[in-house]
Structures are given as C-alpha cells and as structure tokens.
C-alpha atoms as a PDB file:
ATOM      1  CA  MET A   1     -73.236  48.833 -24.162  1.00  0.00           C
ATOM      2  CA  MET A   2     -77.075  49.252 -24.366  1.00  0.00           C
ATOM      3  CA  LYS A   3     -76.976  49.167 -28.159  1.00  0.00           C
ATOM      4  CA  ILE A   4     -75.089  45.805 -28.265  1.00  0.00           C
ATOM      5  CA  ALA A   5     -77.573  44.230 -25.957  1.00  0.00           C
ATOM      6  CA  LEU A   6     -80.557  45.696 -27.832  1.00  0.00           C
ATOM      7  CA  ALA A   7     -79.069  44.343 -30.988  1.00  0.00           C
ATOM      8  CA  LYS A   8     -78.675  40.820 -29.561  1.00  0.00           C
ATOM      9  CA  VAL A   9     -82.303  40.988 -28.308  1.00  0.00           C
ATOM     10  CA  VAL A  10     -83.654  42.101 -31.606  1.00  0.00           C
ATOM     11  CA  ARG A  11     -81.553  39.227 -33.405  1.00  0.00           C
ATOM     12  CA  ILE A  12     -83.003  36.660 -31.025  1.00  0.00           C
ATOM     13  CA  PHE A  13     -86.447  37.871 -31.455  1.00  0.00           C
ATOM     14  CA  GLY A  14     -86.034  37.707 -35.263  1.00  0.00           C
ATOM     15  CA  ARG A  15     -84.822  34.232 -35.118  1.00  0.00           C
ATOM     16  CA  LEU A  16     -87.742  33.238 -32.965  1.00  0.00           C
ATOM     17  CA  LEU A  17     -90.107  34.928 -35.314  1.00  0.00           C
ATOM     18  CA  VAL A  18     -88.658  33.159 -38.439  1.00  0.00           C
ATOM     19  CA  LEU A  19     -88.603  29.814 -36.450  1.00  0.00           C
ATOM     20  CA  GLY A  20     -92.177  30.213 -35.333  1.00  0.00           C
ATOM     21  CA  TRP A  21     -93.270  30.986 -38.864  1.00  0.00           C
ATOM     22  CA  VAL A  22     -91.428  27.981 -40.332  1.00  0.00           C
ATOM     23  CA  THR A  23     -92.850  25.675 -37.573  1.00  0.00           C
ATOM     24  CA  THR A  24     -96.453  27.056 -38.144  1.00  0.00           C
ATOM     25  CA  LYS A  25     -96.105  26.324 -41.813  1.00  0.00           C
ATOM     26  CA  ALA A  26     -94.808  22.856 -41.315  1.00  0.00           C
ATOM     27  CA  LEU A  27     -97.564  22.234 -38.700  1.00  0.00           C
ATOM     28  CA  ASP A  28    -100.272  23.477 -41.167  1.00  0.00           C
ATOM     29  CA  ARG A  29     -98.850  21.105 -43.737  1.00  0.00           C
ATOM     30  CA  ALA A  30     -98.847  18.173 -41.201  1.00  0.00           C
ATOM     31  CA  GLY A  31    -102.269  19.092 -40.031  1.00  0.00           C
ATOM     32  CA  ALA A  32    -103.740  19.217 -43.517  1.00  0.00           C
ATOM     33  CA  ALA A  33    -102.238  15.827 -44.203  1.00  0.00           C
ATOM     34  CA  VAL A  34    -103.628  14.358 -40.958  1.00  0.00           C
ATOM     35  CA  ASN A  35    -107.078  15.938 -41.492  1.00  0.00           C
ATOM     36  CA  SER A  36    -107.137  14.331 -45.083  1.00  0.00           C
ATOM     37  CA  GLN A  37    -106.346  11.039 -43.548  1.00  0.00           C
ATOM     38  CA  GLU A  38    -108.975  11.340 -40.943  1.00  0.00           C
ATOM     39  CA  ALA A  39    -111.607  12.411 -43.507  1.00  0.00           C
ATOM     40  CA  ALA A  40    -110.688   9.265 -45.598  1.00  0.00           C
ATOM     41  CA  GLU A  41    -111.037   7.133 -42.605  1.00  0.00           C
ATOM     42  CA  VAL A  42    -114.402   8.576 -41.722  1.00  0.00           C
ATOM     43  CA  GLU A  43    -115.675   7.925 -45.221  1.00  0.00           C
ATOM     44  CA  GLU A  44    -114.565   4.396 -45.030  1.00  0.00           C
ATOM     45  CA  SER A  45    -116.325   3.729 -41.668  1.00  0.00           C
ATOM     46  CA  PRO A  46    -119.403   5.759 -41.260  1.00  0.00           C
ATOM     47  CA  GLY A  47    -120.770   3.710 -38.570  1.00  0.00           C
ATOM     48  CA  GLU A  48    -118.262   5.098 -35.799  1.00  0.00           C
ATOM     49  CA  GLY A  49    -118.657   8.296 -33.944  1.00  0.00           C
END
C-alpha cells in the first residue's frame, strides 16, 4: 500500500518539476522579450526616468 502511495507522490513531484521547468523557460523567454522592448523604449525616450 505504501509503495503505491509513494509512486503516486513521486509521479506528482515529477510532473510538478517538469511543469515548473517548462514554465521557467517560457517566463525567461517572455521576460527577455519584455526586457528588449523596454530597452528599445528607453533608447527612444532618454528624458524619462
């Protein structure tokens, strides 16, 4: 009984790890795109800030 429960827990953690890794990669790409857009905006309007 404990082995089945342990296997389920391990499987859930595995999915969470994969999901977290995919999410992190997606956020990194989105963040890089946002950063490049912000950098372009800053170059266009140096008077702000």
